[in-house]
């Protein structure tokens, strides 16, 4: 199994560089690949800030990648919940931080809006605002 970085995912899905995109396709389709949560976080950052993608487009892009049979994502089931949260208005990084948290821990924040949205989504572990 290979661990891949954000550049490989970007080139694969964006298909914006003939040479690099072809190489990314070879790597992803020819190997079982592991995607660390940090690479997925960076993916959202790059798509949002460099390519000016809207959160819904970032989620759609990430979900398309998650459908690739040879890609294995860290905390995959939690990441899918986090993507639903982003679609409901939770910030990309907040959602992925929650996905990375151990399930036996309470998730604490000072962000009332984040805690409120997470509560409406029924996320476990719960997100608790400590203001």
Protein backbone atom coordinates (compact mmCIF):
# COMPACT_ATOMS: atom_id res chain seq x y z
CA UNK A 1 0.00 0.00 0.00
CA UNK A 2 1.17 3.52 -0.78
CA UNK A 3 0.42 6.65 1.22
CA UNK A 4 -0.34 9.48 -1.17
CA UNK A 5 -0.18 13.22 -0.74
CA UNK A 6 -2.48 16.04 -1.70
CA UNK A 7 -0.74 16.74 -5.00
CA UNK A 8 -1.56 13.28 -6.29
CA UNK A 9 -5.24 13.65 -5.35
CA UNK A 10 -5.43 17.11 -6.91
CA UNK A 11 -3.77 16.11 -10.17
CA UNK A 12 -5.93 12.98 -10.38
CA UNK A 13 -9.26 14.70 -9.96
CA UNK A 14 -8.53 18.04 -11.61
CA UNK A 15 -6.73 16.52 -14.60
CA UNK A 16 -5.12 19.91 -15.14
CA UNK A 17 -1.56 18.90 -16.02
CA UNK A 18 -1.16 16.27 -18.76
CA UNK A 19 2.07 14.79 -17.42
CA UNK A 20 1.37 14.96 -13.68
CA UNK A 21 -2.31 14.04 -13.98
CA UNK A 22 -1.43 10.95 -16.03
CA UNK A 23 1.14 9.93 -13.41
CA UNK A 24 -1.34 10.49 -10.58
CA UNK A 25 -3.87 8.30 -12.41
CA UNK A 26 -1.27 5.53 -12.77
CA UNK A 27 -0.45 5.71 -9.08
CA UNK A 28 -4.06 5.72 -7.84
CA UNK A 29 -5.45 3.18 -10.27
CA UNK A 30 -2.44 0.86 -10.11
CA UNK A 31 -2.07 0.64 -6.34
CA UNK A 32 -4.03 0.51 -3.14
CA UNK A 33 -3.43 3.94 -1.64
CA UNK A 34 -3.90 5.33 1.85
CA UNK A 35 -5.03 8.93 2.29
CA UNK A 36 -4.13 10.51 5.65
CA UNK A 37 -6.65 12.88 7.16
CA UNK A 38 -4.07 15.66 7.02
CA UNK A 39 -3.82 15.28 3.23
CA UNK A 40 -7.61 15.54 2.99
CA UNK A 41 -7.51 18.70 5.11
CA UNK A 42 -4.87 20.18 2.82
CA UNK A 43 -6.97 19.21 -0.18
CA UNK A 44 -9.86 21.31 1.12
CA UNK A 45 -7.53 24.22 1.82
CA UNK A 46 -5.99 24.15 -1.66
CA UNK A 47 -9.33 23.77 -3.44
CA UNK A 48 -10.93 26.52 -1.37
CA UNK A 49 -8.16 29.10 -1.30
CA UNK A 50 -6.16 28.44 -4.45
CA UNK A 51 -8.94 27.27 -6.78
CA UNK A 52 -11.68 29.27 -4.97
CA UNK A 53 -13.98 26.26 -4.82
CA UNK A 54 -17.13 26.56 -2.73
CA UNK A 55 -17.49 24.20 0.27
CA UNK A 56 -20.11 22.11 -1.58
CA UNK A 57 -17.70 21.67 -4.49
CA UNK A 58 -14.89 20.65 -2.13
CA UNK A 59 -17.17 18.05 -0.55
CA UNK A 60 -18.27 16.74 -3.96
CA UNK A 61 -14.63 16.45 -5.01
CA UNK A 62 -13.69 14.62 -1.79
CA UNK A 63 -16.65 12.26 -2.11
CA UNK A 64 -15.67 11.41 -5.70
CA UNK A 65 -12.21 10.52 -4.45
CA UNK A 66 -13.69 8.44 -1.65
CA UNK A 67 -15.57 6.39 -4.25
CA UNK A 68 -12.32 5.25 -5.84
CA UNK A 69 -12.01 1.55 -5.02
CA UNK A 70 -8.26 1.65 -4.42
CA UNK A 71 -8.23 4.64 -2.06
CA UNK A 72 -8.42 4.05 1.69
CA UNK A 73 -9.08 7.08 3.87
CA UNK A 74 -8.02 7.54 7.47
CA UNK A 75 -11.15 7.61 9.68
CA UNK A 76 -13.28 7.01 6.58
CA UNK A 77 -16.68 6.62 8.26
CA UNK A 78 -16.09 9.70 10.41
CA UNK A 79 -14.90 11.64 7.36
CA UNK A 80 -18.19 10.85 5.63
CA UNK A 81 -20.04 12.29 8.64
CA UNK A 82 -17.77 15.31 8.53
CA UNK A 83 -18.59 15.84 4.84
CA UNK A 84 -22.30 15.86 5.71
CA UNK A 85 -21.46 18.47 8.33
CA UNK A 86 -19.67 20.66 5.80
CA UNK A 87 -22.74 20.41 3.57
CA UNK A 88 -24.79 21.60 6.58
CA UNK A 89 -22.53 24.61 7.13
CA UNK A 90 -19.75 23.32 9.42
CA UNK A 91 -16.32 24.60 8.37
CA UNK A 92 -14.02 22.21 6.52
CA UNK A 93 -11.30 22.21 9.17
CA UNK A 94 -13.73 22.04 12.10
CA UNK A 95 -15.42 19.02 10.55
CA UNK A 96 -12.14 17.21 9.91
CA UNK A 97 -10.81 18.04 13.38
CA UNK A 98 -13.94 16.43 14.80
CA UNK A 99 -13.43 13.40 12.53
CA UNK A 100 -9.88 13.01 13.84
CA UNK A 101 -10.88 13.15 17.51
CA UNK A 102 -10.95 9.87 19.45
CA UNK A 103 -14.57 8.77 19.81
CA UNK A 104 -14.21 8.36 23.57
CA UNK A 105 -13.23 12.04 24.02
CA UNK A 106 -15.50 15.03 24.40
CA UNK A 107 -14.72 17.57 21.69
CA UNK A 108 -14.36 21.04 23.22
CA UNK A 109 -14.45 24.37 21.40
CA UNK A 110 -15.03 28.07 22.01
CA UNK A 111 -17.01 28.30 18.76
CA UNK A 112 -20.75 28.48 19.59
CA UNK A 113 -21.84 28.15 15.96
CA UNK A 114 -19.76 25.01 15.42
CA UNK A 115 -21.10 23.42 18.63
CA UNK A 116 -24.66 24.28 17.67
CA UNK A 117 -24.35 22.83 14.16
CA UNK A 118 -22.67 19.68 15.49
CA UNK A 119 -25.47 19.24 18.03
CA UNK A 120 -28.10 19.52 15.28
CA UNK A 121 -26.21 16.84 13.34
CA UNK A 122 -26.13 14.59 16.40
CA UNK A 123 -22.38 14.10 16.20
CA UNK A 124 -20.82 11.72 18.70
CA UNK A 125 -18.60 12.55 20.37
CA UNK A 126 -20.54 15.70 20.99
CA UNK A 127 -19.03 19.11 20.39
CA UNK A 128 -19.27 21.23 23.51
CA UNK A 129 -18.77 24.98 23.66
CA UNK A 130 -16.96 26.05 26.85
CA UNK A 131 -17.70 29.79 26.89
